[in-house]
Every structure is written in structure tokens, then in C-alpha cells.
Amino acid sequence: MLKKYLLALALCILCVGITTTAMAETLDRGKRGDQVRYVQDLLVTQGYLVDEADGVFGNNTEYAVRVFQKEKGLDVDGRVGPATLAALEKNHNKFAKEGKKIKKSAGAPDKYSKVLTMEASAYSAYDPGNSHYTARGNLLCRGLVSVDPDVIPLGTELYIEGYGYAVADDTGGAIRGHKIDLAVDSYDETIQFGRRDVTVYVL
């Protein structure tokens, strides 16, 4: 009987060790799988990630992690290790406990400070002559936009109809007044987007 008990206890310890090792794996750009999807679900629910949780740790996920880490006073490296994961889960539980309403991932927001009609164009890191980084030093990716800081201060959160939630993170020589440049994933998207008027909600 004692042998069976000791064997069961040893198996239990082994299983806990395996789980701890799995959860201690650092997730970063290029990783795929259920753990990535779990982290993305946390980021989407808390309003940091605009994309769907697809299980692929891409540029947008990395940017969302960086924003979260900066807000929570963590080391800002865009990677999800034990400390960042624990903070995400703690923040998620706090939102759930307090019954806070999280930003919707689609559709116009319920609360905003003002609404602007702006002339929009699109750009990407793959356009000839473009930098891969924004004026604020972030990797250029969908969800970041270029603005005239005199109209929209850098760092401002926005909702843009037909595009989604975004952050004013970049500037450009041709972006003056009520013009806005929306980051997309490829040069083809830049060409296809053209120029159009969009409604911009300043959050």
C-alpha cells in the first residue's frame, strides 16, 4: 500500500514539473500553438490586441504585448514569459471581478472624445523607401497609424471605420492637417487602398 502511495505521489510531482516547464516557455514572434492563442485571447479581451486569436505570434501580437508590458511596468521586450503571463492573467481576473466592459473588437466604440472625418491613405514597411519603425520606435505593423501631431497627439488611441482600433504612432512629411496614413501588411494592400475619406473616433 505504501509503495502504491509513493508511486502515485512521484507521478503527481512529475506531472506538476512538466506543466510548470510547459508554462515557463517564453513565447515570442514566430511561435504557434494553443499557448499563443491563449495569450492572444487575454490580449483581445483586455483590449490590447485588435486581431483575432489565430495562434500565430506575429507583429501585432508582439506590439500588443509591448503595450501591455509598458503599462504594467514590466520589462518591455515583446515576449511572453512567466512574469508577463502572470500579469496578463491577474489583469484579466481583475476585469472579470470588477465587471468592467472591455473594448469591442469590432464596430464603433460606445465612448469617444471626438469624431473626425479624415483623408486616409495606406502604407507598409515594404513600401520603397519606408522605414520598418515608427516615429515612436515601434515596429511598423497594422494597428499603427501616421498622423499630424498637431491634430492627433502621438500615443492617442483611435477607432477608424473600415480599419479598426489603432494607435497614433507615426508621422510623415505628407501627413498634415486632417490626413491619416494607415499601416497595412503589404505593398499590394497599400496600392489597393488608394485614398478615401474615413471616420476617425478619438478615444
N, C-alpha and C. Protein backbone atom coordinates (compact mmCIF):
# COMPACT_ATOMS: atom_id res chain seq x y z
N MET A 1 0.83 -1.20 0.00
CA MET A 1 0.00 0.00 0.00
C MET A 1 0.87 1.27 0.00
N LEU A 2 1.92 1.23 0.85
CA LEU A 2 2.83 2.36 0.94
C LEU A 2 3.54 2.59 -0.39
N LYS A 3 3.91 1.49 -1.06
CA LYS A 3 4.60 1.60 -2.36
C LYS A 3 3.69 2.28 -3.38
N LYS A 4 2.41 1.89 -3.39
CA LYS A 4 1.45 2.48 -4.34
C LYS A 4 1.29 3.98 -4.07
N TYR A 5 1.25 4.32 -2.78
CA TYR A 5 1.10 5.74 -2.42
C TYR A 5 2.30 6.55 -2.88
N LEU A 6 3.50 6.00 -2.63
CA LEU A 6 4.72 6.69 -3.04
C LEU A 6 4.82 6.84 -4.55
N LEU A 7 4.37 5.78 -5.27
CA LEU A 7 4.39 5.83 -6.73
C LEU A 7 3.45 6.91 -7.25
N ALA A 8 2.25 6.97 -6.65
CA ALA A 8 1.27 7.98 -7.06
C ALA A 8 1.79 9.39 -6.80
N LEU A 9 2.44 9.54 -5.62
CA LEU A 9 2.99 10.85 -5.26
C LEU A 9 4.10 11.27 -6.24
N ALA A 10 4.94 10.31 -6.62
CA ALA A 10 6.02 10.60 -7.57
C ALA A 10 5.47 11.01 -8.92
N LEU A 11 4.40 10.34 -9.38
CA LEU A 11 3.78 10.68 -10.66
C LEU A 11 3.18 12.08 -10.61
N CYS A 12 2.58 12.39 -9.45
CA CYS A 12 1.98 13.72 -9.28
C CYS A 12 3.04 14.82 -9.40
N ILE A 13 4.17 14.62 -8.71
CA ILE A 13 5.25 15.59 -8.74
C ILE A 13 5.80 15.75 -10.16
N LEU A 14 5.92 14.62 -10.86
CA LEU A 14 6.41 14.64 -12.24
C LEU A 14 5.49 15.44 -13.14
N CYS A 15 4.18 15.23 -13.00
CA CYS A 15 3.19 15.95 -13.83
C CYS A 15 3.24 17.44 -13.57
N VAL A 16 3.37 17.81 -12.27
CA VAL A 16 3.44 19.24 -11.92
C VAL A 16 4.69 19.86 -12.54
N GLY A 17 5.79 19.10 -12.52
CA GLY A 17 7.03 19.60 -13.11
C GLY A 17 6.91 19.82 -14.58
N ILE A 18 6.24 18.89 -15.28
CA ILE A 18 6.04 19.03 -16.73
C ILE A 18 5.19 20.25 -17.04
N THR A 19 4.09 20.43 -16.28
CA THR A 19 3.20 21.58 -16.50
C THR A 19 3.95 22.88 -16.29
N THR A 20 4.74 22.94 -15.20
CA THR A 20 5.48 24.16 -14.90
C THR A 20 6.47 24.49 -16.01
N THR A 21 7.14 23.44 -16.52
CA THR A 21 8.10 23.64 -17.60
C THR A 21 7.42 24.16 -18.85
N ALA A 22 6.23 23.58 -19.17
CA ALA A 22 5.50 24.00 -20.37
C ALA A 22 5.06 25.45 -20.26
N MET A 23 4.54 25.84 -19.07
CA MET A 23 4.06 27.19 -18.90
C MET A 23 5.22 28.19 -18.82
N ALA A 24 6.42 27.70 -18.48
CA ALA A 24 7.56 28.60 -18.35
C ALA A 24 8.18 28.92 -19.71
N GLU A 25 7.72 28.26 -20.76
CA GLU A 25 8.26 28.52 -22.10
C GLU A 25 7.97 29.96 -22.49
N THR A 26 8.98 30.65 -22.97
CA THR A 26 8.80 32.03 -23.41
C THR A 26 8.25 32.05 -24.83
N LEU A 27 7.17 32.80 -24.99
CA LEU A 27 6.54 32.92 -26.31
C LEU A 27 7.00 34.22 -26.95
N ASP A 28 7.41 34.14 -28.21
CA ASP A 28 7.79 35.34 -28.93
C ASP A 28 7.44 35.18 -30.41
N ARG A 29 7.83 36.17 -31.19
CA ARG A 29 7.43 36.20 -32.60
C ARG A 29 7.84 34.93 -33.34
N GLY A 30 6.89 34.37 -34.08
CA GLY A 30 7.14 33.15 -34.84
C GLY A 30 6.60 31.90 -34.18
N LYS A 31 6.31 31.98 -32.86
CA LYS A 31 5.75 30.82 -32.16
C LYS A 31 4.30 30.61 -32.58
N ARG A 32 3.87 29.34 -32.52
CA ARG A 32 2.50 28.98 -32.88
C ARG A 32 1.94 27.99 -31.87
N GLY A 33 0.62 27.92 -31.80
CA GLY A 33 0.02 26.88 -30.98
C GLY A 33 -1.01 27.40 -29.99
N ASP A 34 -1.48 26.47 -29.15
CA ASP A 34 -2.56 26.80 -28.21
C ASP A 34 -2.12 27.81 -27.15
N GLN A 35 -0.87 27.75 -26.71
CA GLN A 35 -0.41 28.71 -25.72
C GLN A 35 -0.42 30.13 -26.29
N VAL A 36 -0.03 30.27 -27.55
CA VAL A 36 -0.09 31.58 -28.20
C VAL A 36 -1.53 32.05 -28.29
N ARG A 37 -2.42 31.15 -28.67
CA ARG A 37 -3.84 31.50 -28.80
C ARG A 37 -4.41 31.94 -27.44
N TYR A 38 -4.00 31.27 -26.40
CA TYR A 38 -4.45 31.62 -25.04
C TYR A 38 -4.02 33.04 -24.68
N VAL A 39 -2.76 33.36 -24.94
CA VAL A 39 -2.25 34.70 -24.68
C VAL A 39 -2.99 35.74 -25.53
N GLN A 40 -3.22 35.41 -26.80
CA GLN A 40 -3.94 36.34 -27.68
C GLN A 40 -5.36 36.58 -27.18
N ASP A 41 -6.02 35.54 -26.68
CA ASP A 41 -7.37 35.70 -26.11
C ASP A 41 -7.35 36.69 -24.95
N LEU A 42 -6.34 36.58 -24.10
CA LEU A 42 -6.21 37.52 -22.98
C LEU A 42 -6.01 38.94 -23.48
N LEU A 43 -5.18 39.10 -24.49
CA LEU A 43 -4.90 40.43 -25.03
C LEU A 43 -6.12 41.03 -25.72
N VAL A 44 -6.85 40.21 -26.46
CA VAL A 44 -8.07 40.68 -27.14
C VAL A 44 -9.11 41.10 -26.12
N THR A 45 -9.34 40.25 -25.12
CA THR A 45 -10.35 40.52 -24.09
C THR A 45 -10.07 41.81 -23.34
N GLN A 46 -8.78 42.09 -23.11
CA GLN A 46 -8.41 43.27 -22.35
C GLN A 46 -8.22 44.51 -23.23
N GLY A 47 -8.44 44.35 -24.55
CA GLY A 47 -8.41 45.50 -25.45
C GLY A 47 -7.06 45.88 -25.99
N TYR A 48 -6.06 45.00 -25.82
CA TYR A 48 -4.71 45.32 -26.32
C TYR A 48 -4.47 44.85 -27.75
N LEU A 49 -5.18 43.82 -28.17
CA LEU A 49 -4.96 43.23 -29.49
C LEU A 49 -6.22 43.38 -30.33
N VAL A 50 -6.07 43.92 -31.54
CA VAL A 50 -7.20 44.13 -32.43
C VAL A 50 -7.51 42.86 -33.22
N ASP A 51 -6.49 42.09 -33.57
CA ASP A 51 -6.67 40.90 -34.41
C ASP A 51 -7.43 39.79 -33.68
N GLU A 52 -7.79 38.76 -34.46
CA GLU A 52 -8.37 37.56 -33.87
C GLU A 52 -7.26 36.71 -33.27
N ALA A 53 -7.62 35.84 -32.32
CA ALA A 53 -6.66 34.92 -31.73
C ALA A 53 -6.48 33.74 -32.69
N ASP A 54 -5.41 33.76 -33.49
CA ASP A 54 -5.21 32.74 -34.51
C ASP A 54 -4.10 31.75 -34.16
N GLY A 55 -3.48 31.93 -32.99
CA GLY A 55 -2.43 31.01 -32.57
C GLY A 55 -1.08 31.26 -33.20
N VAL A 56 -0.93 32.38 -33.91
CA VAL A 56 0.35 32.72 -34.55
C VAL A 56 0.88 34.02 -33.92
N PHE A 57 2.04 33.98 -33.34
CA PHE A 57 2.64 35.14 -32.67
C PHE A 57 3.32 36.01 -33.73
N GLY A 58 2.56 36.99 -34.24
CA GLY A 58 3.07 37.87 -35.28
C GLY A 58 3.39 39.26 -34.76
N ASN A 59 3.57 40.20 -35.69
CA ASN A 59 3.93 41.57 -35.34
C ASN A 59 2.90 42.24 -34.44
N ASN A 60 1.61 42.05 -34.76
CA ASN A 60 0.56 42.72 -33.98
C ASN A 60 0.51 42.19 -32.56
N THR A 61 0.70 40.87 -32.41
CA THR A 61 0.71 40.29 -31.07
C THR A 61 1.89 40.84 -30.28
N GLU A 62 3.05 40.92 -30.92
CA GLU A 62 4.23 41.46 -30.24
C GLU A 62 4.00 42.90 -29.81
N TYR A 63 3.39 43.70 -30.68
CA TYR A 63 3.14 45.09 -30.33
C TYR A 63 2.17 45.18 -29.14
N ALA A 64 1.11 44.35 -29.17
CA ALA A 64 0.14 44.35 -28.07
C ALA A 64 0.81 43.98 -26.75
N VAL A 65 1.71 43.00 -26.80
CA VAL A 65 2.45 42.59 -25.59
C VAL A 65 3.31 43.75 -25.09
N ARG A 66 3.98 44.44 -26.00
CA ARG A 66 4.83 45.57 -25.61
C ARG A 66 4.02 46.67 -24.93
N VAL A 67 2.85 46.97 -25.50
CA VAL A 67 1.98 48.00 -24.90
C VAL A 67 1.57 47.58 -23.50
N PHE A 68 1.17 46.31 -23.35
CA PHE A 68 0.76 45.80 -22.04
C PHE A 68 1.91 45.87 -21.05
N GLN A 69 3.09 45.42 -21.46
CA GLN A 69 4.25 45.42 -20.58
C GLN A 69 4.60 46.84 -20.12
N LYS A 70 4.53 47.78 -21.04
CA LYS A 70 4.86 49.17 -20.70
C LYS A 70 3.87 49.72 -19.67
N GLU A 71 2.58 49.43 -19.87
CA GLU A 71 1.54 49.93 -18.97
C GLU A 71 1.67 49.32 -17.57
N LYS A 72 2.14 48.08 -17.50
CA LYS A 72 2.21 47.38 -16.22
C LYS A 72 3.59 47.45 -15.57
N GLY A 73 4.50 48.22 -16.16
CA GLY A 73 5.82 48.39 -15.57
C GLY A 73 6.72 47.18 -15.66
N LEU A 74 6.48 46.34 -16.67
CA LEU A 74 7.30 45.14 -16.89
C LEU A 74 8.44 45.45 -17.86
N ASP A 75 9.40 44.55 -17.95
CA ASP A 75 10.44 44.69 -18.97
C ASP A 75 9.78 44.64 -20.35
N VAL A 76 10.00 45.66 -21.16
CA VAL A 76 9.35 45.75 -22.47
C VAL A 76 10.22 45.07 -23.52
N ASP A 77 9.92 43.80 -23.81
CA ASP A 77 10.67 43.06 -24.82
C ASP A 77 9.78 42.38 -25.86
N GLY A 78 8.44 42.51 -25.70
CA GLY A 78 7.51 41.91 -26.66
C GLY A 78 7.42 40.41 -26.57
N ARG A 79 7.97 39.82 -25.51
CA ARG A 79 7.95 38.37 -25.32
C ARG A 79 7.10 38.04 -24.10
N VAL A 80 6.46 36.86 -24.12
CA VAL A 80 5.61 36.46 -23.01
C VAL A 80 6.28 35.34 -22.22
N GLY A 81 6.92 35.73 -21.13
CA GLY A 81 7.49 34.78 -20.20
C GLY A 81 6.58 34.64 -18.99
N PRO A 82 7.03 33.96 -17.94
CA PRO A 82 6.19 33.75 -16.76
C PRO A 82 5.67 35.04 -16.12
N ALA A 83 6.52 36.08 -16.05
CA ALA A 83 6.10 37.33 -15.40
C ALA A 83 4.99 38.02 -16.19
N THR A 84 5.16 38.10 -17.52
CA THR A 84 4.13 38.75 -18.35
C THR A 84 2.84 37.94 -18.37
N LEU A 85 2.95 36.62 -18.45
CA LEU A 85 1.76 35.77 -18.43
C LEU A 85 1.00 35.94 -17.13
N ALA A 86 1.72 35.95 -16.01
CA ALA A 86 1.07 36.11 -14.71
C ALA A 86 0.35 37.46 -14.62
N ALA A 87 0.99 38.51 -15.16
CA ALA A 87 0.37 39.85 -15.14
C ALA A 87 -0.87 39.90 -16.02
N LEU A 88 -0.82 39.23 -17.17
CA LEU A 88 -1.98 39.17 -18.06
C LEU A 88 -3.16 38.47 -17.38
N GLU A 89 -2.86 37.36 -16.74
CA GLU A 89 -3.92 36.59 -16.06
C GLU A 89 -4.48 37.36 -14.87
N LYS A 90 -3.61 38.04 -14.13
CA LYS A 90 -4.06 38.85 -12.99
C LYS A 90 -4.95 39.99 -13.47
N ASN A 91 -4.54 40.65 -14.54
CA ASN A 91 -5.33 41.76 -15.08
C ASN A 91 -6.67 41.27 -15.61
N HIS A 92 -6.66 40.10 -16.25
CA HIS A 92 -7.90 39.50 -16.76
C HIS A 92 -8.86 39.22 -15.62
N ASN A 93 -8.36 38.64 -14.53
CA ASN A 93 -9.21 38.33 -13.38
C ASN A 93 -9.76 39.59 -12.73
N LYS A 94 -8.94 40.65 -12.75
CA LYS A 94 -9.39 41.92 -12.18
C LYS A 94 -10.55 42.49 -12.98
N PHE A 95 -10.44 42.45 -14.31
CA PHE A 95 -11.52 42.93 -15.16
C PHE A 95 -12.79 42.12 -14.93
N ALA A 96 -12.63 40.80 -14.84
CA ALA A 96 -13.79 39.92 -14.66
C ALA A 96 -14.45 40.17 -13.31
N LYS A 97 -13.63 40.35 -12.26
CA LYS A 97 -14.15 40.56 -10.91
C LYS A 97 -14.91 41.87 -10.80
N GLU A 98 -14.35 42.92 -11.43
CA GLU A 98 -14.96 44.24 -11.33
C GLU A 98 -16.07 44.45 -12.35
N GLY A 99 -16.22 43.48 -13.26
CA GLY A 99 -17.29 43.56 -14.25
C GLY A 99 -17.10 44.68 -15.23
N LYS A 100 -15.85 45.03 -15.50
CA LYS A 100 -15.58 46.13 -16.44
C LYS A 100 -15.92 45.72 -17.86
N LYS A 101 -16.37 46.69 -18.62
CA LYS A 101 -16.67 46.45 -20.02
C LYS A 101 -15.43 46.69 -20.85
N ILE A 102 -14.99 45.67 -21.59
CA ILE A 102 -13.78 45.79 -22.40
C ILE A 102 -14.15 46.34 -23.77
N LYS A 103 -13.19 46.97 -24.41
CA LYS A 103 -13.42 47.49 -25.76
C LYS A 103 -13.89 46.39 -26.69
N LYS A 104 -14.84 46.70 -27.51
CA LYS A 104 -15.30 45.75 -28.51
C LYS A 104 -14.23 45.61 -29.59
N SER A 105 -14.12 44.40 -30.13
CA SER A 105 -13.11 44.18 -31.17
C SER A 105 -13.60 44.60 -32.54
N ALA A 106 -14.87 44.86 -32.67
CA ALA A 106 -15.42 45.28 -33.96
C ALA A 106 -16.57 46.24 -33.71
N GLY A 107 -16.79 47.17 -34.63
CA GLY A 107 -17.87 48.12 -34.50
C GLY A 107 -17.42 49.39 -33.81
N ALA A 108 -18.13 50.47 -34.03
CA ALA A 108 -17.77 51.76 -33.46
C ALA A 108 -17.84 51.70 -31.94
N PRO A 109 -16.95 52.42 -31.25
CA PRO A 109 -16.93 52.40 -29.78
C PRO A 109 -18.12 53.14 -29.19
N ASP A 110 -18.46 52.80 -27.97
CA ASP A 110 -19.56 53.47 -27.28
C ASP A 110 -19.13 54.83 -26.73
N LYS A 111 -17.86 54.93 -26.35
CA LYS A 111 -17.37 56.17 -25.75
C LYS A 111 -16.17 56.69 -26.54
N TYR A 112 -16.18 57.99 -26.79
CA TYR A 112 -15.08 58.64 -27.51
C TYR A 112 -15.12 60.12 -27.21
N SER A 113 -13.98 60.79 -27.43
CA SER A 113 -13.92 62.21 -27.09
C SER A 113 -14.35 63.10 -28.25
N LYS A 114 -14.05 62.67 -29.48
CA LYS A 114 -14.50 63.44 -30.65
C LYS A 114 -14.42 62.56 -31.89
N VAL A 115 -15.07 63.02 -32.96
CA VAL A 115 -15.10 62.29 -34.23
C VAL A 115 -14.57 63.21 -35.32
N LEU A 116 -13.66 62.68 -36.15
CA LEU A 116 -13.08 63.46 -37.24
C LEU A 116 -13.32 62.75 -38.57
N THR A 117 -13.54 63.53 -39.61
CA THR A 117 -13.53 62.99 -40.97
C THR A 117 -12.17 63.30 -41.56
N MET A 118 -11.45 62.26 -41.98
CA MET A 118 -10.08 62.46 -42.44
C MET A 118 -9.85 61.77 -43.78
N GLU A 119 -8.88 62.31 -44.52
CA GLU A 119 -8.49 61.69 -45.78
C GLU A 119 -7.43 60.64 -45.47
N ALA A 120 -7.74 59.39 -45.80
CA ALA A 120 -6.85 58.28 -45.44
C ALA A 120 -6.11 57.72 -46.65
N SER A 121 -4.88 57.35 -46.39
CA SER A 121 -4.07 56.58 -47.34
C SER A 121 -3.50 55.41 -46.54
N ALA A 122 -2.75 54.54 -47.21
CA ALA A 122 -2.18 53.39 -46.52
C ALA A 122 -0.70 53.27 -46.84
N TYR A 123 0.03 52.64 -45.93
CA TYR A 123 1.46 52.41 -46.17
C TYR A 123 1.90 51.17 -45.40
N SER A 124 3.07 50.67 -45.76
CA SER A 124 3.58 49.47 -45.08
C SER A 124 5.10 49.55 -44.98
N ALA A 125 5.66 48.64 -44.21
CA ALA A 125 7.11 48.58 -44.05
C ALA A 125 7.80 48.12 -45.33
N TYR A 126 6.99 47.61 -46.28
CA TYR A 126 7.54 47.06 -47.52
C TYR A 126 7.48 48.06 -48.68
N ASP A 127 6.94 49.25 -48.43
CA ASP A 127 6.92 50.27 -49.47
C ASP A 127 8.34 50.78 -49.71
N PRO A 128 8.70 51.05 -50.97
CA PRO A 128 10.05 51.55 -51.27
C PRO A 128 10.38 52.81 -50.48
N GLY A 129 11.50 52.78 -49.79
CA GLY A 129 11.95 53.95 -49.04
C GLY A 129 11.40 54.08 -47.64
N ASN A 130 10.45 53.21 -47.26
CA ASN A 130 9.86 53.32 -45.93
C ASN A 130 10.73 52.66 -44.86
N SER A 131 10.67 53.22 -43.67
CA SER A 131 11.36 52.62 -42.53
C SER A 131 10.51 51.49 -41.96
N HIS A 132 11.13 50.56 -41.27
CA HIS A 132 10.41 49.47 -40.61
C HIS A 132 9.95 49.88 -39.21
N TYR A 133 10.27 51.11 -38.81
CA TYR A 133 9.92 51.56 -37.47
C TYR A 133 9.17 52.89 -37.52
N THR A 134 8.33 53.10 -36.53
CA THR A 134 7.54 54.33 -36.46
C THR A 134 8.32 55.43 -35.76
N ALA A 135 7.74 56.61 -35.73
CA ALA A 135 8.38 57.74 -35.06
C ALA A 135 8.57 57.49 -33.57
N ARG A 136 7.73 56.63 -33.00
CA ARG A 136 7.84 56.30 -31.57
C ARG A 136 8.71 55.07 -31.33
N GLY A 137 9.34 54.57 -32.40
CA GLY A 137 10.29 53.47 -32.24
C GLY A 137 9.71 52.08 -32.25
N ASN A 138 8.44 51.94 -32.66
CA ASN A 138 7.81 50.62 -32.70
C ASN A 138 7.88 50.03 -34.11
N LEU A 139 7.89 48.71 -34.17
CA LEU A 139 7.91 48.03 -35.46
C LEU A 139 6.62 48.34 -36.21
N LEU A 140 6.75 48.83 -37.44
CA LEU A 140 5.58 49.24 -38.21
C LEU A 140 4.72 48.03 -38.56
N CYS A 141 3.47 48.08 -38.17
CA CYS A 141 2.55 46.97 -38.46
C CYS A 141 1.12 47.49 -38.41
N ARG A 142 0.20 46.66 -38.88
CA ARG A 142 -1.23 47.02 -38.86
C ARG A 142 -1.64 47.37 -37.43
N GLY A 143 -2.44 48.42 -37.31
CA GLY A 143 -2.86 48.86 -35.99
C GLY A 143 -2.15 50.13 -35.53
N LEU A 144 -1.10 50.52 -36.31
CA LEU A 144 -0.41 51.77 -36.06
C LEU A 144 -0.69 52.72 -37.22
N VAL A 145 -0.84 54.00 -36.92
CA VAL A 145 -1.17 54.95 -37.98
C VAL A 145 -0.30 56.20 -37.85
N SER A 146 -0.13 56.88 -38.98
CA SER A 146 0.64 58.11 -39.04
C SER A 146 -0.32 59.30 -39.06
N VAL A 147 -0.01 60.30 -38.23
CA VAL A 147 -0.90 61.45 -38.08
C VAL A 147 -0.10 62.74 -38.02
N ASP A 148 -0.81 63.84 -38.07
CA ASP A 148 -0.23 65.15 -37.77
C ASP A 148 -0.40 65.36 -36.27
N PRO A 149 0.69 65.39 -35.50
CA PRO A 149 0.57 65.51 -34.05
C PRO A 149 -0.16 66.77 -33.58
N ASP A 150 -0.23 67.78 -34.45
CA ASP A 150 -0.98 68.98 -34.07
C ASP A 150 -2.49 68.74 -34.09
N VAL A 151 -2.90 67.69 -34.81
CA VAL A 151 -4.32 67.34 -34.88
C VAL A 151 -4.63 66.19 -33.93
N ILE A 152 -3.80 65.15 -33.96
CA ILE A 152 -3.95 63.99 -33.08
C ILE A 152 -2.60 63.72 -32.43
N PRO A 153 -2.47 63.90 -31.14
CA PRO A 153 -1.18 63.67 -30.47
C PRO A 153 -0.74 62.21 -30.59
N LEU A 154 0.57 62.00 -30.71
CA LEU A 154 1.10 60.65 -30.76
C LEU A 154 0.76 59.91 -29.47
N GLY A 155 0.44 58.63 -29.61
CA GLY A 155 0.04 57.83 -28.47
C GLY A 155 -1.46 57.75 -28.27
N THR A 156 -2.22 58.56 -29.03
CA THR A 156 -3.68 58.57 -28.90
C THR A 156 -4.28 57.28 -29.47
N GLU A 157 -5.23 56.71 -28.75
CA GLU A 157 -5.95 55.53 -29.23
C GLU A 157 -7.11 55.99 -30.10
N LEU A 158 -7.33 55.26 -31.20
CA LEU A 158 -8.34 55.65 -32.18
C LEU A 158 -9.17 54.44 -32.59
N TYR A 159 -10.34 54.73 -33.13
CA TYR A 159 -11.10 53.70 -33.87
C TYR A 159 -11.40 54.29 -35.23
N ILE A 160 -11.02 53.57 -36.29
CA ILE A 160 -11.18 54.06 -37.65
C ILE A 160 -12.13 53.13 -38.39
N GLU A 161 -13.23 53.67 -38.85
CA GLU A 161 -14.22 52.83 -39.55
C GLU A 161 -13.60 52.20 -40.79
N GLY A 162 -13.81 50.90 -40.93
CA GLY A 162 -13.26 50.16 -42.05
C GLY A 162 -11.84 49.68 -41.83
N TYR A 163 -11.27 50.03 -40.67
CA TYR A 163 -9.88 49.63 -40.36
C TYR A 163 -9.80 48.98 -38.99
N GLY A 164 -10.43 49.61 -37.99
CA GLY A 164 -10.43 49.04 -36.64
C GLY A 164 -9.74 49.94 -35.65
N TYR A 165 -9.42 49.37 -34.49
CA TYR A 165 -8.72 50.11 -33.45
C TYR A 165 -7.27 50.32 -33.84
N ALA A 166 -6.73 51.46 -33.44
CA ALA A 166 -5.37 51.80 -33.84
C ALA A 166 -4.76 52.75 -32.82
N VAL A 167 -3.46 52.96 -32.96
CA VAL A 167 -2.73 53.91 -32.11
C VAL A 167 -1.98 54.88 -33.01
N ALA A 168 -2.09 56.18 -32.71
CA ALA A 168 -1.32 57.18 -33.45
C ALA A 168 0.14 57.04 -33.04
N ASP A 169 0.97 56.50 -33.94
CA ASP A 169 2.32 56.12 -33.54
C ASP A 169 3.40 56.65 -34.47
N ASP A 170 2.99 57.32 -35.57
CA ASP A 170 3.98 57.70 -36.57
C ASP A 170 3.63 59.06 -37.16
N THR A 171 4.59 59.65 -37.86
CA THR A 171 4.38 60.92 -38.56
C THR A 171 4.94 60.78 -39.96
N GLY A 172 4.57 61.71 -40.83
CA GLY A 172 5.07 61.68 -42.21
C GLY A 172 5.05 63.07 -42.81
N GLY A 173 5.97 63.32 -43.73
CA GLY A 173 6.06 64.64 -44.34
C GLY A 173 4.79 65.09 -45.03
N ALA A 174 4.06 64.13 -45.65
CA ALA A 174 2.84 64.47 -46.38
C ALA A 174 1.60 64.41 -45.51
N ILE A 175 1.75 63.97 -44.26
CA ILE A 175 0.59 63.83 -43.38
C ILE A 175 0.44 65.10 -42.56
N ARG A 176 -0.37 65.99 -43.08
CA ARG A 176 -0.61 67.28 -42.45
C ARG A 176 -2.11 67.52 -42.36
N GLY A 177 -2.52 68.20 -41.28
CA GLY A 177 -3.94 68.51 -41.12
C GLY A 177 -4.77 67.24 -40.93
N HIS A 178 -5.91 67.20 -41.60
CA HIS A 178 -6.84 66.08 -41.44
C HIS A 178 -6.52 64.96 -42.44
N LYS A 179 -5.27 64.52 -42.42
CA LYS A 179 -4.85 63.37 -43.22
C LYS A 179 -4.32 62.31 -42.27
N ILE A 180 -4.50 61.05 -42.65
CA ILE A 180 -4.06 59.94 -41.82
C ILE A 180 -3.56 58.82 -42.71
N ASP A 181 -2.47 58.18 -42.32
CA ASP A 181 -1.87 57.10 -43.09
C ASP A 181 -1.98 55.81 -42.25
N LEU A 182 -2.62 54.79 -42.81
CA LEU A 182 -2.91 53.57 -42.06
C LEU A 182 -1.92 52.47 -42.42
N ALA A 183 -1.26 51.91 -41.43
CA ALA A 183 -0.30 50.83 -41.69
C ALA A 183 -1.03 49.55 -42.07
N VAL A 184 -0.57 48.91 -43.13
CA VAL A 184 -1.13 47.62 -43.59
C VAL A 184 0.03 46.62 -43.71
N ASP A 185 -0.31 45.40 -44.12
CA ASP A 185 0.66 44.30 -44.06
C ASP A 185 1.51 44.12 -45.31
N SER A 186 1.15 44.78 -46.40
CA SER A 186 1.91 44.56 -47.63
C SER A 186 1.81 45.76 -48.57
N TYR A 187 2.73 45.81 -49.53
CA TYR A 187 2.73 46.87 -50.52
C TYR A 187 1.49 46.78 -51.40
N ASP A 188 1.04 45.56 -51.71
CA ASP A 188 -0.18 45.38 -52.52
C ASP A 188 -1.38 46.02 -51.85
N GLU A 189 -1.49 45.85 -50.53
CA GLU A 189 -2.61 46.46 -49.80
C GLU A 189 -2.54 47.98 -49.88
N THR A 190 -1.32 48.51 -49.83
CA THR A 190 -1.14 49.95 -49.94
C THR A 190 -1.72 50.47 -51.25
N ILE A 191 -1.39 49.80 -52.34
CA ILE A 191 -1.88 50.20 -53.67
C ILE A 191 -3.39 50.06 -53.77
N GLN A 192 -3.92 48.94 -53.26
CA GLN A 192 -5.35 48.67 -53.35
C GLN A 192 -6.17 49.67 -52.53
N PHE A 193 -5.61 50.13 -51.42
CA PHE A 193 -6.36 51.02 -50.54
C PHE A 193 -6.62 52.36 -51.20
N GLY A 194 -5.62 52.90 -51.89
CA GLY A 194 -5.79 54.20 -52.55
C GLY A 194 -5.96 55.31 -51.53
N ARG A 195 -6.88 56.22 -51.83
CA ARG A 195 -7.22 57.31 -50.91
C ARG A 195 -8.72 57.35 -50.73
N ARG A 196 -9.14 57.57 -49.52
CA ARG A 196 -10.59 57.62 -49.23
C ARG A 196 -10.82 58.40 -47.94
N ASP A 197 -12.02 58.90 -47.79
CA ASP A 197 -12.40 59.57 -46.54
C ASP A 197 -12.82 58.52 -45.51
N VAL A 198 -12.39 58.69 -44.28
CA VAL A 198 -12.76 57.77 -43.21
C VAL A 198 -13.21 58.55 -42.00
N THR A 199 -14.03 57.90 -41.17
CA THR A 199 -14.45 58.48 -39.91
C THR A 199 -13.54 57.98 -38.82
N VAL A 200 -12.94 58.88 -38.07
CA VAL A 200 -11.98 58.54 -37.03
C VAL A 200 -12.54 58.93 -35.67
N TYR A 201 -12.68 57.97 -34.78
CA TYR A 201 -13.13 58.22 -33.42
C TYR A 201 -11.90 58.35 -32.52
N VAL A 202 -11.76 59.48 -31.85
CA VAL A 202 -10.65 59.68 -30.92
C VAL A 202 -11.12 59.19 -29.56
N LEU A 203 -10.43 58.19 -29.02
CA LEU A 203 -10.88 57.55 -27.77
C LEU A 203 -10.29 58.24 -26.53
